[in-house]
Amino acid sequence: MADIFAKTAPSLTSPAMDGAMVAPNDTTPLAQVTRAVYVGGSGDVTAELVSGTQLSFSGVPGGVLLPMRATKIMATGTTASGIVALW
């Protein structure tokens, strides 16, 4: 398939180029630092950001894209489902 953007340098405002389903885990980091996290099923999301800060996002509705540079999606405090890491 042709990709007219193949030679364009990606930036943090570019669309995601890859991703993976997330199994929340308090100790294992994600495969890549994210650009955003998609939340498929509503609930809370606790993430560790690239700065090392842990934040909790309460009552995230399903179908929301959270623009964050996360290194982990924590099991403790995360009740949302269908989480996808995008990079």
N, C-alpha and C. Protein backbone atom coordinates (compact mmCIF):
# COMPACT_ATOMS: atom_id res chain seq x y z
N MET A 1 0.85 -1.16 0.00
CA MET A 1 0.00 0.00 0.00
C MET A 1 0.90 1.23 0.00
N ALA A 2 0.56 2.21 -0.79
CA ALA A 2 1.33 3.45 -0.86
C ALA A 2 1.11 4.28 0.40
N ASP A 3 2.17 4.93 0.86
CA ASP A 3 2.09 5.80 2.03
C ASP A 3 2.77 7.11 1.67
N ILE A 4 1.96 8.11 1.33
CA ILE A 4 2.54 9.38 0.89
C ILE A 4 3.23 10.12 2.04
N PHE A 5 3.02 9.67 3.26
CA PHE A 5 3.64 10.31 4.41
C PHE A 5 4.86 9.55 4.92
N ALA A 6 5.30 8.52 4.23
CA ALA A 6 6.39 7.66 4.70
C ALA A 6 7.69 8.43 4.95
N LYS A 7 7.93 9.49 4.21
CA LYS A 7 9.17 10.24 4.38
C LYS A 7 9.01 11.46 5.28
N THR A 8 7.85 11.59 5.88
CA THR A 8 7.58 12.70 6.79
C THR A 8 8.02 12.32 8.20
N ALA A 9 8.81 13.19 8.82
CA ALA A 9 9.26 12.90 10.18
C ALA A 9 8.08 12.98 11.15
N PRO A 10 7.89 11.94 11.97
CA PRO A 10 6.79 11.99 12.94
C PRO A 10 7.09 12.99 14.07
N SER A 11 6.04 13.55 14.61
CA SER A 11 6.15 14.44 15.77
C SER A 11 5.08 14.04 16.78
N LEU A 12 5.08 14.70 17.91
CA LEU A 12 4.09 14.36 18.94
C LEU A 12 2.68 14.75 18.53
N THR A 13 2.52 15.57 17.50
CA THR A 13 1.19 15.92 17.02
C THR A 13 0.76 15.05 15.85
N SER A 14 1.63 14.17 15.39
CA SER A 14 1.29 13.26 14.30
C SER A 14 0.38 12.15 14.82
N PRO A 15 -0.39 11.53 13.93
CA PRO A 15 -1.18 10.37 14.35
C PRO A 15 -0.27 9.23 14.82
N ALA A 16 -0.82 8.38 15.63
CA ALA A 16 -0.06 7.22 16.12
C ALA A 16 0.36 6.34 14.95
N MET A 17 1.52 5.71 15.09
CA MET A 17 2.05 4.83 14.04
C MET A 17 1.98 3.36 14.42
N ASP A 18 1.76 3.09 15.70
CA ASP A 18 1.70 1.70 16.17
C ASP A 18 0.98 1.69 17.50
N GLY A 19 0.73 0.53 18.03
CA GLY A 19 0.05 0.43 19.30
C GLY A 19 -0.04 -1.01 19.77
N ALA A 20 -0.56 -1.18 20.97
CA ALA A 20 -0.72 -2.51 21.55
C ALA A 20 -1.77 -2.47 22.65
N MET A 21 -2.47 -3.58 22.81
CA MET A 21 -3.38 -3.71 23.94
C MET A 21 -2.57 -3.66 25.23
N VAL A 22 -3.17 -3.12 26.27
CA VAL A 22 -2.48 -2.96 27.55
C VAL A 22 -3.10 -3.88 28.59
N ALA A 23 -2.24 -4.64 29.26
CA ALA A 23 -2.63 -5.36 30.46
C ALA A 23 -2.05 -4.56 31.63
N PRO A 24 -2.88 -3.81 32.35
CA PRO A 24 -2.34 -2.97 33.44
C PRO A 24 -1.45 -3.78 34.37
N ASN A 25 -0.32 -3.17 34.75
CA ASN A 25 0.67 -3.85 35.58
C ASN A 25 1.43 -2.79 36.38
N ASP A 26 1.59 -3.03 37.67
CA ASP A 26 2.26 -2.06 38.54
C ASP A 26 3.78 -2.04 38.39
N THR A 27 4.37 -3.09 37.84
CA THR A 27 5.83 -3.16 37.79
C THR A 27 6.41 -3.19 36.38
N THR A 28 5.72 -3.80 35.43
CA THR A 28 6.27 -3.95 34.08
C THR A 28 5.93 -2.73 33.22
N PRO A 29 6.94 -2.06 32.69
CA PRO A 29 6.67 -0.90 31.82
C PRO A 29 6.08 -1.34 30.48
N LEU A 30 5.44 -0.40 29.81
CA LEU A 30 4.92 -0.64 28.47
C LEU A 30 6.09 -0.86 27.50
N ALA A 31 5.81 -1.43 26.35
CA ALA A 31 6.85 -1.70 25.35
C ALA A 31 7.47 -0.41 24.82
N GLN A 32 6.68 0.65 24.77
CA GLN A 32 7.12 1.97 24.29
C GLN A 32 6.46 3.04 25.15
N VAL A 33 7.07 4.20 25.22
CA VAL A 33 6.41 5.35 25.84
C VAL A 33 5.28 5.76 24.89
N THR A 34 4.11 6.02 25.43
CA THR A 34 2.94 6.30 24.59
C THR A 34 2.89 7.75 24.11
N ARG A 35 2.11 7.96 23.07
CA ARG A 35 1.69 9.30 22.64
C ARG A 35 0.32 9.57 23.23
N ALA A 36 -0.45 8.48 23.33
CA ALA A 36 -1.82 8.56 23.83
C ALA A 36 -2.24 7.18 24.29
N VAL A 37 -3.31 7.16 25.07
CA VAL A 37 -3.90 5.90 25.55
C VAL A 37 -5.38 5.95 25.23
N TYR A 38 -5.87 4.93 24.54
CA TYR A 38 -7.29 4.81 24.23
C TYR A 38 -7.94 3.98 25.32
N VAL A 39 -9.09 4.44 25.81
CA VAL A 39 -9.84 3.73 26.85
C VAL A 39 -11.13 3.24 26.20
N GLY A 40 -11.27 1.92 26.07
CA GLY A 40 -12.45 1.36 25.42
C GLY A 40 -13.66 1.25 26.32
N GLY A 41 -13.45 0.86 27.57
CA GLY A 41 -14.54 0.70 28.53
C GLY A 41 -14.35 1.63 29.71
N SER A 42 -15.40 2.31 30.11
CA SER A 42 -15.31 3.36 31.13
C SER A 42 -14.76 2.85 32.46
N GLY A 43 -14.15 3.77 33.20
CA GLY A 43 -13.59 3.48 34.51
C GLY A 43 -12.47 4.43 34.83
N ASP A 44 -11.67 4.06 35.80
CA ASP A 44 -10.53 4.88 36.22
C ASP A 44 -9.26 4.34 35.57
N VAL A 45 -8.32 5.26 35.29
CA VAL A 45 -7.02 4.89 34.73
C VAL A 45 -5.94 5.54 35.58
N THR A 46 -5.02 4.73 36.10
CA THR A 46 -3.86 5.24 36.81
C THR A 46 -2.64 4.96 35.96
N ALA A 47 -1.88 6.01 35.66
CA ALA A 47 -0.74 5.89 34.77
C ALA A 47 0.50 6.49 35.41
N GLU A 48 1.65 5.92 35.03
CA GLU A 48 2.93 6.52 35.38
C GLU A 48 3.43 7.22 34.12
N LEU A 49 3.63 8.52 34.22
CA LEU A 49 4.06 9.31 33.08
C LEU A 49 5.57 9.23 32.92
N VAL A 50 6.06 9.69 31.78
CA VAL A 50 7.49 9.63 31.47
C VAL A 50 8.31 10.39 32.52
N SER A 51 7.72 11.35 33.21
CA SER A 51 8.40 12.10 34.27
C SER A 51 8.56 11.29 35.55
N GLY A 52 7.83 10.15 35.65
CA GLY A 52 7.85 9.35 36.87
C GLY A 52 6.65 9.63 37.76
N THR A 53 5.90 10.65 37.47
CA THR A 53 4.71 11.00 38.24
C THR A 53 3.58 10.02 37.95
N GLN A 54 2.90 9.58 38.99
CA GLN A 54 1.72 8.74 38.82
C GLN A 54 0.48 9.60 38.99
N LEU A 55 -0.44 9.49 38.03
CA LEU A 55 -1.69 10.24 38.06
C LEU A 55 -2.86 9.30 37.89
N SER A 56 -3.97 9.64 38.55
CA SER A 56 -5.21 8.88 38.38
C SER A 56 -6.23 9.74 37.65
N PHE A 57 -6.82 9.17 36.61
CA PHE A 57 -7.88 9.81 35.85
C PHE A 57 -9.17 9.10 36.23
N SER A 58 -10.05 9.79 36.93
CA SER A 58 -11.27 9.18 37.47
C SER A 58 -12.43 9.32 36.50
N GLY A 59 -13.22 8.26 36.40
CA GLY A 59 -14.45 8.31 35.62
C GLY A 59 -14.25 8.57 34.14
N VAL A 60 -13.23 7.97 33.56
CA VAL A 60 -12.97 8.17 32.13
C VAL A 60 -14.04 7.41 31.34
N PRO A 61 -14.77 8.10 30.47
CA PRO A 61 -15.79 7.41 29.67
C PRO A 61 -15.16 6.51 28.61
N GLY A 62 -15.84 5.45 28.25
CA GLY A 62 -15.37 4.60 27.17
C GLY A 62 -15.30 5.36 25.86
N GLY A 63 -14.30 5.03 25.04
CA GLY A 63 -14.15 5.67 23.75
C GLY A 63 -13.31 6.93 23.78
N VAL A 64 -12.64 7.19 24.90
CA VAL A 64 -11.85 8.41 25.06
C VAL A 64 -10.38 8.15 24.76
N LEU A 65 -9.74 9.12 24.14
CA LEU A 65 -8.30 9.10 23.88
C LEU A 65 -7.64 10.07 24.85
N LEU A 66 -6.75 9.55 25.70
CA LEU A 66 -6.03 10.39 26.66
C LEU A 66 -4.64 10.69 26.09
N PRO A 67 -4.36 11.94 25.73
CA PRO A 67 -3.04 12.27 25.19
C PRO A 67 -2.02 12.36 26.31
N MET A 68 -1.24 11.32 26.49
CA MET A 68 -0.24 11.31 27.56
C MET A 68 0.95 10.46 27.18
N ARG A 69 2.11 10.85 27.68
CA ARG A 69 3.36 10.11 27.48
C ARG A 69 3.54 9.21 28.71
N ALA A 70 2.96 8.04 28.65
CA ALA A 70 2.95 7.11 29.79
C ALA A 70 3.98 6.00 29.60
N THR A 71 4.57 5.58 30.72
CA THR A 71 5.48 4.44 30.71
C THR A 71 4.82 3.18 31.28
N LYS A 72 3.78 3.38 32.10
CA LYS A 72 3.04 2.26 32.69
C LYS A 72 1.57 2.64 32.81
N ILE A 73 0.72 1.64 32.67
CA ILE A 73 -0.67 1.75 33.09
C ILE A 73 -0.77 0.83 34.29
N MET A 74 -1.00 1.42 35.43
CA MET A 74 -0.95 0.69 36.68
C MET A 74 -2.20 -0.20 36.87
N ALA A 75 -1.99 -1.38 37.43
CA ALA A 75 -3.11 -2.26 37.77
C ALA A 75 -3.86 -1.68 38.97
N THR A 76 -3.09 -1.18 39.95
CA THR A 76 -3.70 -0.59 41.13
C THR A 76 -4.35 0.74 40.75
N GLY A 77 -5.64 0.84 40.91
CA GLY A 77 -6.36 2.07 40.62
C GLY A 77 -6.96 2.12 39.22
N THR A 78 -6.66 1.14 38.38
CA THR A 78 -7.23 1.13 37.04
C THR A 78 -8.40 0.15 36.99
N THR A 79 -9.57 0.69 36.66
CA THR A 79 -10.77 -0.14 36.52
C THR A 79 -11.31 -0.12 35.10
N ALA A 80 -10.80 0.77 34.26
CA ALA A 80 -11.23 0.86 32.87
C ALA A 80 -10.78 -0.39 32.12
N SER A 81 -11.43 -0.68 31.01
CA SER A 81 -11.09 -1.85 30.21
C SER A 81 -10.81 -1.45 28.77
N GLY A 82 -10.33 -2.40 27.99
CA GLY A 82 -10.08 -2.15 26.59
C GLY A 82 -9.07 -1.05 26.35
N ILE A 83 -8.00 -1.04 27.14
CA ILE A 83 -6.99 0.02 27.06
C ILE A 83 -5.97 -0.32 25.97
N VAL A 84 -5.69 0.67 25.13
CA VAL A 84 -4.74 0.50 24.03
C VAL A 84 -3.68 1.60 24.12
N ALA A 85 -2.42 1.20 24.15
CA ALA A 85 -1.31 2.16 24.13
C ALA A 85 -1.02 2.49 22.68
N LEU A 86 -0.86 3.78 22.38
CA LEU A 86 -0.57 4.23 21.02
C LEU A 86 0.74 4.99 21.02
N TRP A 87 1.58 4.71 20.01
CA TRP A 87 2.83 5.45 19.86
C TRP A 87 3.13 5.70 18.41
